[in-house]
């Protein structure tokens, strides 16, 4: 399994407002190899907010197909924002492979 994390630095006070935008139902859910998305908000930061959008994929091929799809382009387009400045200050993409797991006993 592959986890692609987009670690997004944003202006203070925007993390909770922006987080739900990354988990709206849509074309992503129908992509081959897509498993799930989790959005994490980093705690105890004082200068800015930070959101980590973690996308779980069965393979890197599935993620690559998503990145190259029209649905990806559409989901990342920014229609008129009424002149408002973006709250995003920067981002970093991190790709990880799950090497080991441990689950609770049942």
N, C-alpha and C. Protein backbone atom coordinates (compact mmCIF):
# COMPACT_ATOMS: atom_id res chain seq x y z
N UNK A 1 0.84 -1.18 0.00
CA UNK A 1 0.00 0.00 0.00
C UNK A 1 0.89 1.24 0.00
N UNK A 2 0.44 2.26 -0.71
CA UNK A 2 1.14 3.53 -0.83
C UNK A 2 0.31 4.61 -0.13
N UNK A 3 0.97 5.46 0.61
CA UNK A 3 0.31 6.61 1.21
C UNK A 3 0.99 7.86 0.65
N UNK A 4 0.19 8.71 0.01
CA UNK A 4 0.69 9.96 -0.53
C UNK A 4 0.16 11.07 0.38
N UNK A 5 1.07 11.79 1.00
CA UNK A 5 0.70 12.86 1.92
C UNK A 5 1.02 14.20 1.29
N UNK A 6 0.02 15.06 1.27
CA UNK A 6 0.22 16.45 0.87
C UNK A 6 0.19 17.25 2.17
N UNK A 7 1.34 17.66 2.62
CA UNK A 7 1.46 18.45 3.86
C UNK A 7 1.33 19.92 3.48
N UNK A 8 0.22 20.53 3.89
CA UNK A 8 -0.11 21.89 3.46
C UNK A 8 0.00 22.86 4.63
N UNK A 9 0.84 23.86 4.44
CA UNK A 9 1.00 24.94 5.42
C UNK A 9 0.02 26.03 5.02
N UNK A 10 -0.78 26.51 5.98
CA UNK A 10 -1.75 27.55 5.66
C UNK A 10 -1.85 28.59 6.76
N UNK A 11 -2.47 29.69 6.42
CA UNK A 11 -2.62 30.78 7.37
C UNK A 11 -3.36 30.30 8.62
N UNK A 12 -2.98 30.85 9.74
CA UNK A 12 -3.57 30.51 11.03
C UNK A 12 -5.09 30.69 10.97
N UNK A 13 -5.79 29.69 11.51
CA UNK A 13 -7.24 29.74 11.58
C UNK A 13 -7.98 29.11 10.41
N UNK A 14 -7.25 28.56 9.42
CA UNK A 14 -7.90 28.02 8.24
C UNK A 14 -7.97 26.49 8.20
N UNK A 15 -7.22 25.79 9.02
CA UNK A 15 -7.15 24.32 8.92
C UNK A 15 -8.52 23.66 9.07
N UNK A 16 -9.24 23.99 10.10
CA UNK A 16 -10.53 23.35 10.34
C UNK A 16 -11.54 23.69 9.25
N UNK A 17 -11.46 24.88 8.71
CA UNK A 17 -12.36 25.29 7.64
C UNK A 17 -12.05 24.55 6.34
N UNK A 18 -10.77 24.35 6.05
CA UNK A 18 -10.35 23.75 4.79
C UNK A 18 -10.40 22.21 4.79
N UNK A 19 -10.20 21.58 5.94
CA UNK A 19 -10.10 20.12 6.02
C UNK A 19 -11.24 19.37 5.32
N UNK A 20 -12.50 19.73 5.54
CA UNK A 20 -13.59 18.97 4.91
C UNK A 20 -13.58 19.04 3.38
N UNK A 21 -12.95 20.03 2.81
CA UNK A 21 -12.91 20.15 1.34
C UNK A 21 -12.17 18.99 0.70
N UNK A 22 -11.26 18.37 1.45
CA UNK A 22 -10.45 17.28 0.89
C UNK A 22 -11.15 15.92 0.96
N UNK A 23 -12.30 15.86 1.61
CA UNK A 23 -13.00 14.57 1.75
C UNK A 23 -14.42 14.64 1.18
N UNK A 24 -14.65 15.54 0.26
CA UNK A 24 -15.95 15.60 -0.41
C UNK A 24 -16.08 14.41 -1.35
N UNK A 25 -17.24 13.77 -1.38
CA UNK A 25 -17.45 12.66 -2.32
C UNK A 25 -17.25 13.11 -3.76
N UNK A 26 -16.73 12.20 -4.59
CA UNK A 26 -16.52 12.56 -5.99
C UNK A 26 -15.80 11.49 -6.76
N UNK A 27 -15.21 11.91 -7.87
CA UNK A 27 -14.56 11.00 -8.81
C UNK A 27 -13.41 10.21 -8.19
N UNK A 28 -12.74 10.78 -7.21
CA UNK A 28 -11.62 10.09 -6.56
C UNK A 28 -12.03 8.71 -6.06
N UNK A 29 -13.23 8.62 -5.51
CA UNK A 29 -13.70 7.37 -4.93
C UNK A 29 -13.87 6.26 -5.96
N UNK A 30 -13.93 6.63 -7.23
CA UNK A 30 -14.13 5.64 -8.29
C UNK A 30 -12.82 5.25 -8.98
N UNK A 31 -11.72 5.86 -8.56
CA UNK A 31 -10.44 5.60 -9.22
C UNK A 31 -9.91 4.21 -8.85
N UNK A 32 -9.31 3.54 -9.83
CA UNK A 32 -8.70 2.23 -9.59
C UNK A 32 -7.61 2.33 -8.54
N UNK A 33 -7.67 1.49 -7.53
CA UNK A 33 -6.63 1.44 -6.52
C UNK A 33 -6.80 2.39 -5.36
N UNK A 34 -7.80 3.28 -5.43
CA UNK A 34 -8.03 4.21 -4.32
C UNK A 34 -8.59 3.45 -3.12
N UNK A 35 -8.07 3.75 -1.92
CA UNK A 35 -8.54 3.11 -0.70
C UNK A 35 -9.30 4.12 0.17
N UNK A 36 -8.64 5.22 0.55
CA UNK A 36 -9.30 6.21 1.41
C UNK A 36 -8.44 7.47 1.49
N UNK A 37 -9.06 8.53 2.04
CA UNK A 37 -8.36 9.77 2.36
C UNK A 37 -8.59 10.06 3.83
N UNK A 38 -7.53 10.47 4.52
CA UNK A 38 -7.62 10.98 5.89
C UNK A 38 -7.01 12.37 5.89
N UNK A 39 -7.64 13.28 6.64
CA UNK A 39 -7.10 14.63 6.77
C UNK A 39 -6.73 14.83 8.23
N UNK A 40 -5.48 15.17 8.46
CA UNK A 40 -4.98 15.41 9.82
C UNK A 40 -4.66 16.88 9.98
N UNK A 41 -4.96 17.43 11.15
CA UNK A 41 -4.59 18.80 11.49
C UNK A 41 -3.52 18.74 12.56
N UNK A 42 -2.35 19.29 12.27
CA UNK A 42 -1.25 19.31 13.23
C UNK A 42 -1.62 20.19 14.42
N UNK A 43 -1.37 19.69 15.61
CA UNK A 43 -1.71 20.40 16.84
C UNK A 43 -0.53 21.24 17.34
N UNK A 44 -0.84 22.25 18.13
CA UNK A 44 0.13 23.05 18.87
C UNK A 44 1.10 23.87 18.02
N UNK A 45 0.67 24.29 16.84
CA UNK A 45 1.47 25.21 16.05
C UNK A 45 1.02 26.64 16.36
N UNK A 46 1.94 27.56 16.42
CA UNK A 46 1.57 28.94 16.77
C UNK A 46 1.67 29.90 15.59
N UNK A 47 2.56 29.66 14.65
CA UNK A 47 2.79 30.60 13.55
C UNK A 47 1.82 30.40 12.38
N UNK A 48 1.40 29.17 12.15
CA UNK A 48 0.55 28.84 11.01
C UNK A 48 -0.22 27.55 11.33
N UNK A 49 -1.14 27.18 10.46
CA UNK A 49 -1.82 25.89 10.56
C UNK A 49 -1.16 24.92 9.59
N UNK A 50 -1.34 23.64 9.84
CA UNK A 50 -0.82 22.62 8.93
C UNK A 50 -1.82 21.49 8.82
N UNK A 51 -2.13 21.12 7.59
CA UNK A 51 -3.04 20.02 7.30
C UNK A 51 -2.26 18.98 6.51
N UNK A 52 -2.42 17.72 6.87
CA UNK A 52 -1.83 16.63 6.10
C UNK A 52 -2.98 15.84 5.46
N UNK A 53 -3.01 15.84 4.12
CA UNK A 53 -4.02 15.09 3.39
C UNK A 53 -3.35 13.78 2.98
N UNK A 54 -3.78 12.69 3.60
CA UNK A 54 -3.18 11.37 3.40
C UNK A 54 -4.09 10.53 2.50
N UNK A 55 -3.58 10.21 1.31
CA UNK A 55 -4.33 9.41 0.36
C UNK A 55 -3.73 8.01 0.33
N UNK A 56 -4.56 7.02 0.58
CA UNK A 56 -4.13 5.62 0.62
C UNK A 56 -4.48 4.97 -0.72
N UNK A 57 -3.47 4.35 -1.33
CA UNK A 57 -3.61 3.71 -2.65
C UNK A 57 -3.07 2.29 -2.59
N UNK A 58 -3.68 1.40 -3.34
CA UNK A 58 -3.18 0.03 -3.42
C UNK A 58 -1.81 0.00 -4.09
N UNK A 59 -1.62 0.84 -5.11
CA UNK A 59 -0.34 0.88 -5.83
C UNK A 59 -0.03 2.33 -6.26
N UNK A 60 1.20 2.58 -6.58
CA UNK A 60 1.61 3.89 -7.09
C UNK A 60 0.96 4.16 -8.44
N UNK A 61 0.73 3.11 -9.21
CA UNK A 61 0.09 3.25 -10.53
C UNK A 61 -1.28 3.92 -10.39
N UNK A 62 -2.06 3.51 -9.40
CA UNK A 62 -3.38 4.12 -9.19
C UNK A 62 -3.27 5.60 -8.89
N UNK A 63 -2.32 5.97 -8.03
CA UNK A 63 -2.14 7.39 -7.71
C UNK A 63 -1.71 8.17 -8.95
N UNK A 64 -0.80 7.61 -9.73
CA UNK A 64 -0.32 8.28 -10.94
C UNK A 64 -1.47 8.50 -11.93
N UNK A 65 -2.33 7.51 -12.07
CA UNK A 65 -3.49 7.65 -12.95
C UNK A 65 -4.40 8.78 -12.45
N UNK A 66 -4.58 8.87 -11.15
CA UNK A 66 -5.38 9.96 -10.57
C UNK A 66 -4.74 11.31 -10.88
N UNK A 67 -3.43 11.43 -10.65
CA UNK A 67 -2.73 12.71 -10.89
C UNK A 67 -2.82 13.15 -12.35
N UNK A 68 -2.92 12.19 -13.26
CA UNK A 68 -2.97 12.51 -14.69
C UNK A 68 -4.39 12.62 -15.23
N UNK A 69 -5.39 12.44 -14.39
CA UNK A 69 -6.78 12.41 -14.85
C UNK A 69 -7.38 13.81 -14.95
N UNK A 70 -8.40 13.91 -15.79
CA UNK A 70 -9.16 15.16 -15.89
C UNK A 70 -9.87 15.45 -14.56
N UNK A 71 -10.29 14.40 -13.86
CA UNK A 71 -10.97 14.58 -12.57
C UNK A 71 -10.04 15.26 -11.57
N UNK A 72 -8.75 14.90 -11.58
CA UNK A 72 -7.78 15.55 -10.69
C UNK A 72 -7.68 17.03 -11.03
N UNK A 73 -7.52 17.33 -12.32
CA UNK A 73 -7.40 18.72 -12.75
C UNK A 73 -8.63 19.52 -12.34
N UNK A 74 -9.80 18.93 -12.54
CA UNK A 74 -11.04 19.61 -12.19
C UNK A 74 -11.14 19.85 -10.68
N UNK A 75 -10.74 18.86 -9.89
CA UNK A 75 -10.85 18.99 -8.43
C UNK A 75 -9.85 20.00 -7.87
N UNK A 76 -8.80 20.32 -8.63
CA UNK A 76 -7.80 21.26 -8.16
C UNK A 76 -7.89 22.63 -8.85
N UNK A 77 -8.93 22.80 -9.67
CA UNK A 77 -9.11 24.11 -10.31
C UNK A 77 -9.68 25.07 -9.27
N UNK A 78 -9.37 26.32 -9.42
CA UNK A 78 -9.85 27.33 -8.47
C UNK A 78 -10.71 28.34 -9.21
N UNK A 79 -12.04 28.04 -9.28
CA UNK A 79 -12.90 29.02 -9.93
C UNK A 79 -12.89 30.32 -9.14
N UNK A 80 -13.38 31.38 -9.72
CA UNK A 80 -13.37 32.71 -9.08
C UNK A 80 -13.45 32.67 -7.57
N UNK A 81 -12.48 33.27 -6.92
CA UNK A 81 -12.44 33.25 -5.45
C UNK A 81 -12.84 34.61 -4.88
N UNK A 82 -13.59 35.39 -5.65
CA UNK A 82 -14.09 36.69 -5.20
C UNK A 82 -12.97 37.61 -4.72
N UNK A 83 -11.79 37.50 -5.32
CA UNK A 83 -10.68 38.37 -4.97
C UNK A 83 -9.98 38.02 -3.67
N UNK A 84 -10.42 36.95 -3.00
CA UNK A 84 -9.78 36.57 -1.74
C UNK A 84 -8.43 35.92 -2.01
N UNK A 85 -7.48 36.22 -1.15
CA UNK A 85 -6.16 35.62 -1.23
C UNK A 85 -6.22 34.19 -0.70
N UNK A 86 -5.50 33.29 -1.31
CA UNK A 86 -5.49 31.89 -0.88
C UNK A 86 -4.91 31.78 0.53
N UNK A 87 -5.50 30.93 1.37
CA UNK A 87 -4.96 30.72 2.71
C UNK A 87 -3.73 29.80 2.71
N UNK A 88 -3.44 29.16 1.56
CA UNK A 88 -2.33 28.23 1.49
C UNK A 88 -1.00 28.97 1.36
N UNK A 89 -0.03 28.56 2.19
CA UNK A 89 1.28 29.18 2.21
C UNK A 89 2.33 28.32 1.51
N UNK A 90 2.02 27.04 1.31
CA UNK A 90 2.96 26.13 0.66
C UNK A 90 2.57 24.70 0.94
N UNK A 91 3.17 23.78 0.20
CA UNK A 91 2.87 22.37 0.42
C UNK A 91 4.05 21.50 0.01
N UNK A 92 4.01 20.29 0.53
CA UNK A 92 5.06 19.30 0.24
C UNK A 92 4.39 17.95 0.06
N UNK A 93 4.74 17.24 -1.01
CA UNK A 93 4.21 15.91 -1.27
C UNK A 93 5.21 14.87 -0.76
N UNK A 94 4.72 13.91 0.03
CA UNK A 94 5.55 12.85 0.58
C UNK A 94 4.91 11.52 0.20
N UNK A 95 5.67 10.63 -0.43
CA UNK A 95 5.17 9.32 -0.81
C UNK A 95 5.82 8.27 0.09
N UNK A 96 4.97 7.44 0.71
CA UNK A 96 5.47 6.40 1.61
C UNK A 96 4.86 5.06 1.24
N UNK A 97 5.60 4.01 1.53
CA UNK A 97 5.09 2.66 1.34
C UNK A 97 4.92 2.02 2.71
N UNK A 98 3.78 1.37 2.93
CA UNK A 98 3.56 0.70 4.21
C UNK A 98 4.48 -0.51 4.27
N UNK A 99 5.35 -0.53 5.28
CA UNK A 99 6.33 -1.61 5.41
C UNK A 99 5.92 -2.62 6.48
N UNK A 100 5.13 -2.18 7.46
CA UNK A 100 4.77 -3.06 8.57
C UNK A 100 3.55 -2.47 9.28
N UNK A 101 2.68 -3.34 9.77
CA UNK A 101 1.51 -2.88 10.52
C UNK A 101 1.25 -3.79 11.71
N UNK A 102 0.52 -3.25 12.69
CA UNK A 102 0.06 -4.01 13.85
C UNK A 102 -1.35 -3.54 14.15
N UNK A 103 -2.28 -4.45 14.28
CA UNK A 103 -3.66 -4.11 14.57
C UNK A 103 -4.05 -4.65 15.93
N UNK A 104 -5.10 -4.08 16.50
CA UNK A 104 -5.60 -4.50 17.80
C UNK A 104 -6.10 -5.94 17.75
N UNK A 105 -5.96 -6.66 18.84
CA UNK A 105 -6.52 -8.00 18.95
C UNK A 105 -8.02 -7.89 19.11
N UNK A 106 -8.72 -8.87 18.58
CA UNK A 106 -10.19 -8.84 18.68
C UNK A 106 -10.68 -9.90 19.61
